[in-house]
Amino acid sequence: MKKSLLVLLLAVAMVVPAFAEKGEMSINGKLGLGVISSVSVNSDEDEYYVLKTDMPFMLGAEFFYGVIDCLSVGVGVNYLFDTSAKVASEVKGGTTNIYLAVKPEIKTNSDIFSSVYFVGQIGLSMGRTKIYEGEPSMDSGLYLGTGFGTIIKDVVLVELIFSTSNSTMKDSGESIDLEYDVTSLNIGYKFSF
């Protein structure tokens, strides 16, 4: 599953520019802070609970290609640094996400705000966790993200993204589904070429 999804992401990233007649290419570097974050835990024994977490930091990079003037498609990766659960500081976790993205964009006539945009992301989530004394094995899952943002002076990005990263933790023969929900405020820099 992991290899298939990664191959699909790479294939789309390589093929999309070939179908576009012209367009802007950009690489975005982003830093983010999870302003609201939680982990939903669902075990084999039908136990379900939600743990609030400390605010995670995020580091990310994206490549976008403008298919038409108002639509860009691309690929991205983001790394959410490990953070602790508020009620149990010995429980830590984070995730790395690789995704395809679609970004419809509306150009503005403002001197400050170059454009506003919406973004949709879908891809692979690779979670990691540390519980008490061990590091249980983790299986990858689905990553989904959506949000909106603005580009200031054609170089600075400011965006608000809601994302959910799914993974499965296996420990002592028990399978536990984890859903890591984060609403993050991201600031970044856009390199256009």
N, C-alpha and C. Protein backbone atom coordinates (compact mmCIF):
# COMPACT_ATOMS: atom_id res chain seq x y z
N MET A 1 0.83 -1.20 0.00
CA MET A 1 0.00 0.00 0.00
C MET A 1 0.87 1.26 0.00
N LYS A 2 1.88 1.30 0.88
CA LYS A 2 2.74 2.48 0.98
C LYS A 2 3.47 2.72 -0.34
N LYS A 3 4.09 1.67 -0.87
CA LYS A 3 4.86 1.82 -2.10
C LYS A 3 3.97 2.21 -3.27
N SER A 4 2.78 1.63 -3.33
CA SER A 4 1.85 1.95 -4.42
C SER A 4 1.45 3.42 -4.39
N LEU A 5 1.14 3.93 -3.20
CA LEU A 5 0.73 5.32 -3.08
C LEU A 5 1.89 6.26 -3.40
N LEU A 6 3.09 5.93 -2.96
CA LEU A 6 4.24 6.77 -3.26
C LEU A 6 4.54 6.79 -4.76
N VAL A 7 4.42 5.64 -5.42
CA VAL A 7 4.61 5.58 -6.87
C VAL A 7 3.56 6.41 -7.59
N LEU A 8 2.30 6.33 -7.14
CA LEU A 8 1.22 7.13 -7.73
C LEU A 8 1.49 8.62 -7.56
N LEU A 9 1.91 9.04 -6.37
CA LEU A 9 2.22 10.45 -6.13
C LEU A 9 3.33 10.93 -7.07
N LEU A 10 4.38 10.14 -7.20
CA LEU A 10 5.49 10.49 -8.08
C LEU A 10 5.05 10.55 -9.54
N ALA A 11 4.23 9.59 -9.97
CA ALA A 11 3.77 9.56 -11.36
C ALA A 11 2.93 10.79 -11.69
N VAL A 12 2.02 11.15 -10.80
CA VAL A 12 1.18 12.34 -11.04
C VAL A 12 2.04 13.59 -11.08
N ALA A 13 3.02 13.69 -10.18
CA ALA A 13 3.89 14.87 -10.16
C ALA A 13 4.69 15.01 -11.45
N MET A 14 5.04 13.89 -12.05
CA MET A 14 5.83 13.94 -13.28
C MET A 14 4.97 14.15 -14.52
N VAL A 15 3.73 13.67 -14.52
CA VAL A 15 2.89 13.70 -15.71
C VAL A 15 2.10 15.00 -15.85
N VAL A 16 1.65 15.59 -14.75
CA VAL A 16 0.79 16.78 -14.81
C VAL A 16 1.41 17.92 -15.62
N PRO A 17 2.68 18.29 -15.42
CA PRO A 17 3.24 19.38 -16.22
C PRO A 17 3.22 19.10 -17.72
N ALA A 18 3.27 17.87 -18.14
CA ALA A 18 3.26 17.54 -19.56
C ALA A 18 1.93 17.87 -20.22
N PHE A 19 0.83 17.83 -19.47
CA PHE A 19 -0.49 18.11 -20.01
C PHE A 19 -0.85 19.59 -19.98
N ALA A 20 -0.12 20.38 -19.24
CA ALA A 20 -0.41 21.80 -19.14
C ALA A 20 0.26 22.56 -20.28
N GLU A 21 -0.46 23.53 -20.82
CA GLU A 21 0.10 24.31 -21.92
C GLU A 21 1.14 25.30 -21.41
N LYS A 22 0.84 25.99 -20.32
CA LYS A 22 1.79 26.90 -19.72
C LYS A 22 1.39 27.08 -18.27
N GLY A 23 2.29 27.51 -17.49
CA GLY A 23 1.94 27.74 -16.10
C GLY A 23 3.15 28.07 -15.25
N GLU A 24 2.85 28.64 -14.12
CA GLU A 24 3.88 29.01 -13.18
C GLU A 24 4.23 27.81 -12.31
N MET A 25 5.48 27.64 -12.04
CA MET A 25 5.92 26.62 -11.10
C MET A 25 6.41 27.33 -9.85
N SER A 26 6.12 26.73 -8.70
CA SER A 26 6.60 27.32 -7.45
C SER A 26 6.93 26.24 -6.44
N ILE A 27 7.87 26.58 -5.59
CA ILE A 27 8.22 25.74 -4.45
C ILE A 27 7.93 26.57 -3.21
N ASN A 28 7.16 25.99 -2.29
CA ASN A 28 6.79 26.69 -1.07
C ASN A 28 7.45 26.01 0.13
N GLY A 29 8.07 26.80 0.97
CA GLY A 29 8.58 26.32 2.25
C GLY A 29 7.70 26.88 3.35
N LYS A 30 7.28 26.02 4.32
CA LYS A 30 6.33 26.48 5.32
C LYS A 30 6.75 26.07 6.73
N LEU A 31 6.42 26.92 7.69
CA LEU A 31 6.50 26.63 9.11
C LEU A 31 5.10 26.79 9.67
N GLY A 32 4.72 25.93 10.60
CA GLY A 32 3.37 26.03 11.13
C GLY A 32 3.31 25.73 12.61
N LEU A 33 2.22 26.16 13.21
CA LEU A 33 1.94 25.90 14.61
C LEU A 33 0.52 25.37 14.70
N GLY A 34 0.36 24.19 15.29
CA GLY A 34 -0.98 23.61 15.47
C GLY A 34 -1.70 24.32 16.59
N VAL A 35 -2.68 25.14 16.25
CA VAL A 35 -3.39 25.91 17.26
C VAL A 35 -4.43 25.06 17.99
N ILE A 36 -4.96 24.06 17.33
CA ILE A 36 -5.89 23.10 17.94
C ILE A 36 -5.45 21.72 17.48
N SER A 37 -5.21 20.81 18.43
CA SER A 37 -4.80 19.47 18.02
C SER A 37 -5.29 18.43 19.02
N SER A 38 -5.60 17.25 18.48
CA SER A 38 -6.07 16.16 19.32
C SER A 38 -5.80 14.83 18.62
N VAL A 39 -5.81 13.76 19.41
CA VAL A 39 -5.67 12.41 18.89
C VAL A 39 -6.88 11.61 19.33
N SER A 40 -7.59 11.02 18.36
CA SER A 40 -8.71 10.13 18.66
C SER A 40 -8.18 8.71 18.66
N VAL A 41 -8.51 7.95 19.70
CA VAL A 41 -8.00 6.59 19.86
C VAL A 41 -9.18 5.63 19.83
N ASN A 42 -9.09 4.61 18.98
CA ASN A 42 -10.15 3.61 18.85
C ASN A 42 -9.49 2.23 18.84
N SER A 43 -9.71 1.44 19.89
CA SER A 43 -9.04 0.15 20.02
C SER A 43 -9.93 -1.00 19.56
N ASP A 44 -9.33 -2.20 19.48
CA ASP A 44 -10.07 -3.41 19.12
C ASP A 44 -11.19 -3.70 20.11
N GLU A 45 -11.03 -3.24 21.33
CA GLU A 45 -12.00 -3.53 22.39
C GLU A 45 -13.13 -2.50 22.44
N ASP A 46 -13.35 -1.80 21.33
CA ASP A 46 -14.40 -0.78 21.20
C ASP A 46 -14.28 0.34 22.22
N GLU A 47 -13.06 0.65 22.61
CA GLU A 47 -12.82 1.82 23.46
C GLU A 47 -12.53 3.00 22.53
N TYR A 48 -13.14 4.14 22.83
CA TYR A 48 -12.93 5.33 22.01
C TYR A 48 -12.78 6.53 22.94
N TYR A 49 -11.70 7.26 22.76
CA TYR A 49 -11.52 8.48 23.54
C TYR A 49 -10.65 9.45 22.76
N VAL A 50 -10.69 10.71 23.18
CA VAL A 50 -9.95 11.77 22.51
C VAL A 50 -8.98 12.38 23.50
N LEU A 51 -7.72 12.50 23.09
CA LEU A 51 -6.69 13.13 23.91
C LEU A 51 -6.32 14.47 23.29
N LYS A 52 -6.44 15.54 24.04
CA LYS A 52 -5.94 16.84 23.58
C LYS A 52 -4.42 16.81 23.67
N THR A 53 -3.75 17.46 22.73
CA THR A 53 -2.29 17.47 22.72
C THR A 53 -1.76 18.89 22.83
N ASP A 54 -0.48 18.98 23.19
CA ASP A 54 0.19 20.27 23.17
C ASP A 54 0.28 20.74 21.72
N MET A 55 0.54 22.02 21.53
CA MET A 55 0.60 22.57 20.17
C MET A 55 1.82 22.05 19.42
N PRO A 56 1.60 21.34 18.31
CA PRO A 56 2.75 20.82 17.55
C PRO A 56 3.29 21.86 16.57
N PHE A 57 4.57 21.75 16.29
CA PHE A 57 5.20 22.55 15.24
C PHE A 57 5.24 21.73 13.96
N MET A 58 5.17 22.41 12.82
CA MET A 58 5.16 21.74 11.53
C MET A 58 6.18 22.40 10.62
N LEU A 59 6.84 21.56 9.82
CA LEU A 59 7.77 22.02 8.80
C LEU A 59 7.36 21.35 7.51
N GLY A 60 7.22 22.12 6.42
CA GLY A 60 6.74 21.52 5.18
C GLY A 60 7.32 22.14 3.93
N ALA A 61 7.17 21.41 2.82
CA ALA A 61 7.59 21.89 1.51
C ALA A 61 6.59 21.39 0.48
N GLU A 62 6.33 22.22 -0.53
CA GLU A 62 5.38 21.87 -1.59
C GLU A 62 5.94 22.31 -2.94
N PHE A 63 5.56 21.59 -3.97
CA PHE A 63 5.84 21.98 -5.34
C PHE A 63 4.50 22.10 -6.05
N PHE A 64 4.23 23.26 -6.66
CA PHE A 64 2.98 23.47 -7.39
C PHE A 64 3.27 23.83 -8.83
N TYR A 65 2.37 23.39 -9.71
CA TYR A 65 2.43 23.74 -11.12
C TYR A 65 1.08 24.32 -11.51
N GLY A 66 1.09 25.53 -12.08
CA GLY A 66 -0.14 26.19 -12.51
C GLY A 66 -0.65 25.59 -13.80
N VAL A 67 -1.70 24.77 -13.71
CA VAL A 67 -2.27 24.12 -14.89
C VAL A 67 -2.98 25.16 -15.75
N ILE A 68 -3.76 26.02 -15.11
CA ILE A 68 -4.38 27.18 -15.75
C ILE A 68 -4.17 28.36 -14.81
N ASP A 69 -4.59 29.54 -15.22
CA ASP A 69 -4.33 30.73 -14.41
C ASP A 69 -4.88 30.65 -12.98
N CYS A 70 -5.98 29.96 -12.80
CA CYS A 70 -6.61 29.96 -11.48
C CYS A 70 -6.55 28.60 -10.77
N LEU A 71 -5.74 27.66 -11.27
CA LEU A 71 -5.68 26.33 -10.65
C LEU A 71 -4.27 25.78 -10.71
N SER A 72 -3.78 25.37 -9.55
CA SER A 72 -2.46 24.73 -9.46
C SER A 72 -2.62 23.35 -8.85
N VAL A 73 -1.79 22.44 -9.29
CA VAL A 73 -1.74 21.10 -8.69
C VAL A 73 -0.31 20.85 -8.26
N GLY A 74 -0.15 19.99 -7.26
CA GLY A 74 1.20 19.75 -6.80
C GLY A 74 1.32 18.61 -5.83
N VAL A 75 2.51 18.49 -5.29
CA VAL A 75 2.82 17.48 -4.28
C VAL A 75 3.47 18.19 -3.11
N GLY A 76 3.36 17.57 -1.94
CA GLY A 76 3.95 18.18 -0.76
C GLY A 76 4.28 17.16 0.30
N VAL A 77 5.04 17.61 1.26
CA VAL A 77 5.39 16.81 2.42
C VAL A 77 5.39 17.74 3.63
N ASN A 78 4.86 17.24 4.75
CA ASN A 78 4.98 18.01 5.98
C ASN A 78 5.32 17.08 7.13
N TYR A 79 6.06 17.62 8.06
CA TYR A 79 6.54 16.87 9.22
C TYR A 79 6.01 17.56 10.46
N LEU A 80 5.14 16.88 11.19
CA LEU A 80 4.65 17.39 12.47
C LEU A 80 5.55 16.83 13.56
N PHE A 81 6.23 17.70 14.25
CA PHE A 81 7.14 17.27 15.31
C PHE A 81 6.35 16.60 16.43
N ASP A 82 7.03 15.69 17.14
CA ASP A 82 6.38 14.97 18.24
C ASP A 82 5.87 15.95 19.29
N THR A 83 4.69 15.65 19.80
CA THR A 83 4.08 16.46 20.85
C THR A 83 3.47 15.52 21.88
N SER A 84 3.24 16.02 23.08
CA SER A 84 2.72 15.20 24.17
C SER A 84 1.23 15.38 24.35
N ALA A 85 0.58 14.31 24.84
CA ALA A 85 -0.82 14.42 25.24
C ALA A 85 -0.87 15.24 26.52
N LYS A 86 -1.89 16.09 26.68
CA LYS A 86 -1.97 16.97 27.84
C LYS A 86 -2.19 16.21 29.15
N VAL A 87 -2.93 15.10 29.09
CA VAL A 87 -3.22 14.36 30.33
C VAL A 87 -2.18 13.30 30.64
N ALA A 88 -1.33 12.97 29.68
CA ALA A 88 -0.31 11.95 29.88
C ALA A 88 0.94 12.35 29.11
N SER A 89 1.85 13.09 29.78
CA SER A 89 3.01 13.63 29.09
C SER A 89 3.96 12.55 28.58
N GLU A 90 3.85 11.32 29.10
CA GLU A 90 4.72 10.24 28.62
C GLU A 90 4.26 9.67 27.28
N VAL A 91 3.06 10.07 26.81
CA VAL A 91 2.56 9.65 25.51
C VAL A 91 2.90 10.75 24.50
N LYS A 92 3.74 10.40 23.51
CA LYS A 92 4.17 11.38 22.51
C LYS A 92 3.93 10.81 21.13
N GLY A 93 3.67 11.70 20.19
CA GLY A 93 3.47 11.24 18.83
C GLY A 93 3.56 12.39 17.83
N GLY A 94 3.75 12.02 16.59
CA GLY A 94 3.81 12.97 15.50
C GLY A 94 3.53 12.24 14.20
N THR A 95 3.66 12.92 13.09
CA THR A 95 3.37 12.29 11.81
C THR A 95 4.15 12.98 10.69
N THR A 96 4.41 12.22 9.65
CA THR A 96 4.97 12.74 8.41
C THR A 96 3.95 12.45 7.31
N ASN A 97 3.58 13.45 6.55
CA ASN A 97 2.56 13.29 5.51
C ASN A 97 3.13 13.63 4.14
N ILE A 98 2.82 12.78 3.17
CA ILE A 98 3.18 13.01 1.77
C ILE A 98 1.86 13.07 1.00
N TYR A 99 1.65 14.13 0.21
CA TYR A 99 0.31 14.33 -0.37
C TYR A 99 0.32 14.97 -1.75
N LEU A 100 -0.79 14.76 -2.44
CA LEU A 100 -1.13 15.49 -3.67
C LEU A 100 -1.99 16.67 -3.24
N ALA A 101 -1.88 17.78 -3.93
CA ALA A 101 -2.65 18.97 -3.56
C ALA A 101 -3.26 19.63 -4.79
N VAL A 102 -4.43 20.21 -4.58
CA VAL A 102 -5.12 21.01 -5.60
C VAL A 102 -5.37 22.37 -4.97
N LYS A 103 -5.04 23.45 -5.72
CA LYS A 103 -5.15 24.79 -5.15
C LYS A 103 -5.82 25.75 -6.13
N PRO A 104 -7.16 25.91 -6.03
CA PRO A 104 -7.80 26.97 -6.81
C PRO A 104 -7.45 28.34 -6.19
N GLU A 105 -7.13 29.30 -7.06
CA GLU A 105 -6.62 30.58 -6.59
C GLU A 105 -7.37 31.72 -7.26
N ILE A 106 -7.67 32.75 -6.48
CA ILE A 106 -8.34 33.94 -7.00
C ILE A 106 -7.37 35.11 -6.88
N LYS A 107 -6.98 35.68 -8.02
CA LYS A 107 -6.07 36.82 -8.03
C LYS A 107 -6.82 38.06 -7.57
N THR A 108 -6.13 38.96 -6.86
CA THR A 108 -6.75 40.20 -6.38
C THR A 108 -6.04 41.40 -7.01
N ASN A 109 -6.66 42.55 -6.90
CA ASN A 109 -6.07 43.79 -7.40
C ASN A 109 -5.37 44.58 -6.30
N SER A 110 -5.22 43.97 -5.15
CA SER A 110 -4.62 44.63 -4.00
C SER A 110 -3.10 44.76 -4.17
N ASP A 111 -2.54 45.82 -3.61
CA ASP A 111 -1.09 45.99 -3.62
C ASP A 111 -0.40 45.06 -2.63
N ILE A 112 -1.12 44.61 -1.61
CA ILE A 112 -0.53 43.76 -0.57
C ILE A 112 -0.85 42.29 -0.81
N PHE A 113 -2.12 41.96 -0.94
CA PHE A 113 -2.55 40.58 -1.10
C PHE A 113 -2.62 40.22 -2.58
N SER A 114 -1.70 39.40 -3.05
CA SER A 114 -1.64 39.02 -4.46
C SER A 114 -2.80 38.12 -4.85
N SER A 115 -3.16 37.20 -3.94
CA SER A 115 -4.25 36.27 -4.22
C SER A 115 -4.74 35.63 -2.93
N VAL A 116 -5.92 35.05 -3.02
CA VAL A 116 -6.45 34.18 -1.96
C VAL A 116 -6.68 32.82 -2.59
N TYR A 117 -6.58 31.77 -1.79
CA TYR A 117 -6.72 30.44 -2.36
C TYR A 117 -7.33 29.47 -1.36
N PHE A 118 -7.85 28.41 -1.90
CA PHE A 118 -8.31 27.26 -1.13
C PHE A 118 -7.36 26.12 -1.48
N VAL A 119 -7.23 25.16 -0.60
CA VAL A 119 -6.34 24.03 -0.90
C VAL A 119 -6.97 22.74 -0.39
N GLY A 120 -6.82 21.69 -1.18
CA GLY A 120 -7.24 20.35 -0.78
C GLY A 120 -6.05 19.41 -0.92
N GLN A 121 -5.86 18.54 0.08
CA GLN A 121 -4.72 17.64 0.09
C GLN A 121 -5.18 16.22 0.39
N ILE A 122 -4.58 15.23 -0.27
CA ILE A 122 -4.85 13.83 0.02
C ILE A 122 -3.56 13.05 -0.18
N GLY A 123 -3.28 12.13 0.75
CA GLY A 123 -2.04 11.39 0.62
C GLY A 123 -1.84 10.35 1.69
N LEU A 124 -0.59 10.11 2.01
CA LEU A 124 -0.18 9.06 2.92
C LEU A 124 0.32 9.67 4.22
N SER A 125 -0.18 9.13 5.34
CA SER A 125 0.25 9.57 6.66
C SER A 125 1.10 8.48 7.29
N MET A 126 2.28 8.85 7.74
CA MET A 126 3.17 7.91 8.42
C MET A 126 3.34 8.38 9.85
N GLY A 127 2.53 7.81 10.75
CA GLY A 127 2.54 8.22 12.15
C GLY A 127 3.67 7.58 12.92
N ARG A 128 3.99 8.19 14.04
CA ARG A 128 4.97 7.63 14.96
C ARG A 128 4.50 7.96 16.37
N THR A 129 4.80 7.08 17.31
CA THR A 129 4.38 7.31 18.68
C THR A 129 5.35 6.67 19.65
N LYS A 130 5.40 7.23 20.83
CA LYS A 130 6.19 6.68 21.93
C LYS A 130 5.27 6.63 23.14
N ILE A 131 5.07 5.44 23.66
CA ILE A 131 4.18 5.28 24.81
C ILE A 131 4.94 4.62 25.94
N TYR A 132 4.98 5.30 27.07
CA TYR A 132 5.63 4.78 28.27
C TYR A 132 7.06 4.35 27.96
N GLU A 133 7.37 3.05 28.03
CA GLU A 133 8.75 2.61 27.80
C GLU A 133 8.99 2.10 26.38
N GLY A 134 7.98 1.95 25.56
CA GLY A 134 8.18 1.30 24.27
C GLY A 134 7.87 2.18 23.08
N GLU A 135 8.20 1.66 21.92
CA GLU A 135 7.83 2.28 20.66
C GLU A 135 7.09 1.23 19.84
N PRO A 136 5.77 1.22 19.90
CA PRO A 136 5.01 0.21 19.16
C PRO A 136 5.14 0.40 17.65
N SER A 137 4.86 -0.65 16.89
CA SER A 137 4.93 -0.53 15.44
C SER A 137 3.73 0.27 14.93
N MET A 138 3.94 0.99 13.84
CA MET A 138 2.90 1.84 13.27
C MET A 138 2.69 1.48 11.81
N ASP A 139 1.43 1.41 11.39
CA ASP A 139 1.08 1.26 9.99
C ASP A 139 0.60 2.60 9.46
N SER A 140 0.93 2.89 8.21
CA SER A 140 0.53 4.15 7.59
C SER A 140 -0.97 4.16 7.32
N GLY A 141 -1.48 5.35 7.08
CA GLY A 141 -2.89 5.51 6.79
C GLY A 141 -3.14 6.69 5.86
N LEU A 142 -4.37 7.11 5.81
CA LEU A 142 -4.80 8.19 4.91
C LEU A 142 -4.57 9.55 5.55
N TYR A 143 -4.09 10.49 4.75
CA TYR A 143 -3.95 11.88 5.17
C TYR A 143 -4.90 12.72 4.34
N LEU A 144 -5.67 13.59 4.99
CA LEU A 144 -6.56 14.54 4.31
C LEU A 144 -6.33 15.92 4.91
N GLY A 145 -6.31 16.93 4.05
CA GLY A 145 -6.17 18.29 4.53
C GLY A 145 -6.97 19.25 3.66
N THR A 146 -7.47 20.31 4.27
CA THR A 146 -8.19 21.34 3.53
C THR A 146 -8.01 22.66 4.27
N GLY A 147 -8.08 23.75 3.52
CA GLY A 147 -7.94 25.05 4.16
C GLY A 147 -7.94 26.17 3.15
N PHE A 148 -7.52 27.33 3.62
CA PHE A 148 -7.48 28.51 2.77
C PHE A 148 -6.30 29.38 3.20
N GLY A 149 -5.91 30.27 2.31
CA GLY A 149 -4.79 31.14 2.62
C GLY A 149 -4.71 32.32 1.68
N THR A 150 -3.67 33.09 1.86
CA THR A 150 -3.43 34.24 1.01
C THR A 150 -1.93 34.33 0.72
N ILE A 151 -1.61 34.96 -0.40
CA ILE A 151 -0.22 35.21 -0.76
C ILE A 151 0.00 36.71 -0.70
N ILE A 152 0.98 37.13 0.09
CA ILE A 152 1.26 38.55 0.30
C ILE A 152 2.47 38.94 -0.55
N LYS A 153 2.30 39.98 -1.38
CA LYS A 153 3.37 40.51 -2.23
C LYS A 153 4.01 39.43 -3.10
N ASP A 154 3.26 38.42 -3.50
CA ASP A 154 3.72 37.33 -4.37
C ASP A 154 4.80 36.44 -3.77
N VAL A 155 5.12 36.56 -2.48
CA VAL A 155 6.17 35.73 -1.91
C VAL A 155 5.84 35.11 -0.55
N VAL A 156 5.04 35.75 0.27
CA VAL A 156 4.76 35.25 1.63
C VAL A 156 3.40 34.56 1.67
N LEU A 157 3.38 33.35 2.20
CA LEU A 157 2.12 32.60 2.34
C LEU A 157 1.66 32.66 3.79
N VAL A 158 0.36 32.85 3.97
CA VAL A 158 -0.27 32.72 5.29
C VAL A 158 -1.51 31.88 5.07
N GLU A 159 -1.60 30.75 5.79
CA GLU A 159 -2.73 29.85 5.56
C GLU A 159 -3.19 29.19 6.85
N LEU A 160 -4.45 28.79 6.84
CA LEU A 160 -5.05 28.04 7.93
C LEU A 160 -5.50 26.69 7.34
N ILE A 161 -4.94 25.60 7.86
CA ILE A 161 -5.19 24.27 7.32
C ILE A 161 -5.75 23.36 8.41
N PHE A 162 -6.83 22.65 8.10
CA PHE A 162 -7.33 21.58 8.97
C PHE A 162 -6.92 20.27 8.32
N SER A 163 -6.25 19.42 9.09
CA SER A 163 -5.80 18.13 8.55
C SER A 163 -6.09 17.00 9.52
N THR A 164 -6.25 15.82 8.95
CA THR A 164 -6.41 14.62 9.75
C THR A 164 -5.48 13.55 9.20
N SER A 165 -4.72 12.94 10.09
CA SER A 165 -3.74 11.91 9.73
C SER A 165 -4.14 10.62 10.44
N ASN A 166 -4.36 9.57 9.67
CA ASN A 166 -4.78 8.29 10.24
C ASN A 166 -3.63 7.30 10.21
N SER A 167 -3.51 6.50 11.26
CA SER A 167 -2.54 5.42 11.31
C SER A 167 -3.03 4.37 12.29
N THR A 168 -2.38 3.22 12.27
CA THR A 168 -2.75 2.13 13.16
C THR A 168 -1.52 1.73 13.97
N MET A 169 -1.69 1.69 15.28
CA MET A 169 -0.62 1.30 16.18
C MET A 169 -0.84 -0.15 16.59
N LYS A 170 0.23 -0.94 16.54
CA LYS A 170 0.15 -2.33 16.96
C LYS A 170 1.10 -2.53 18.13
N ASP A 171 0.54 -2.94 19.27
CA ASP A 171 1.33 -3.12 20.47
C ASP A 171 0.78 -4.31 21.26
N SER A 172 1.62 -5.26 21.55
CA SER A 172 1.24 -6.45 22.34
C SER A 172 0.03 -7.16 21.74
N GLY A 173 0.00 -7.30 20.43
CA GLY A 173 -1.09 -8.01 19.77
C GLY A 173 -2.37 -7.21 19.62
N GLU A 174 -2.42 -6.01 20.15
CA GLU A 174 -3.61 -5.17 20.05
C GLU A 174 -3.44 -4.16 18.93
N SER A 175 -4.50 -3.92 18.18
CA SER A 175 -4.50 -2.95 17.10
C SER A 175 -5.32 -1.74 17.52
N ILE A 176 -4.71 -0.55 17.44
CA ILE A 176 -5.38 0.68 17.87
C ILE A 176 -5.33 1.69 16.73
N ASP A 177 -6.50 2.15 16.30
CA ASP A 177 -6.59 3.17 15.25
C ASP A 177 -6.42 4.55 15.86
N LEU A 178 -5.54 5.34 15.25
CA LEU A 178 -5.29 6.70 15.72
C LEU A 178 -5.66 7.70 14.63
N GLU A 179 -6.31 8.77 15.03
CA GLU A 179 -6.65 9.86 14.11
C GLU A 179 -6.14 11.15 14.73
N TYR A 180 -5.14 11.74 14.09
CA TYR A 180 -4.48 12.94 14.60
C TYR A 180 -5.04 14.14 13.85
N ASP A 181 -5.87 14.95 14.52
CA ASP A 181 -6.50 16.12 13.92
C ASP A 181 -5.75 17.38 14.35
N VAL A 182 -5.39 18.20 13.37
CA VAL A 182 -4.65 19.43 13.66
C VAL A 182 -5.21 20.57 12.83
N THR A 183 -5.48 21.68 13.48
CA THR A 183 -5.77 22.93 12.79
C THR A 183 -4.54 23.79 12.97
N SER A 184 -3.86 24.11 11.86
CA SER A 184 -2.58 24.80 11.97
C SER A 184 -2.58 26.13 11.23
N LEU A 185 -1.84 27.05 11.78
CA LEU A 185 -1.58 28.34 11.16
C LEU A 185 -0.17 28.26 10.58
N ASN A 186 -0.07 28.36 9.25
CA ASN A 186 1.21 28.21 8.56
C ASN A 186 1.65 29.52 7.94
N ILE A 187 2.94 29.76 7.99
CA ILE A 187 3.55 30.91 7.33
C ILE A 187 4.68 30.36 6.47
N GLY A 188 4.78 30.85 5.25
CA GLY A 188 5.80 30.30 4.36
C GLY A 188 6.31 31.30 3.35
N TYR A 189 7.21 30.82 2.53
CA TYR A 189 7.83 31.62 1.47
C TYR A 189 7.64 30.91 0.15
N LYS A 190 7.28 31.64 -0.88
CA LYS A 190 7.02 31.09 -2.20
C LYS A 190 8.17 31.45 -3.14
N PHE A 191 8.79 30.42 -3.71
CA PHE A 191 9.84 30.61 -4.71
C PHE A 191 9.23 30.29 -6.07
N SER A 192 9.04 31.27 -6.92
CA SER A 192 8.44 31.07 -8.25
C SER A 192 9.53 31.02 -9.32
N PHE A 193 9.29 30.15 -10.31
CA PHE A 193 10.19 30.11 -11.45
C PHE A 193 9.44 29.67 -12.68
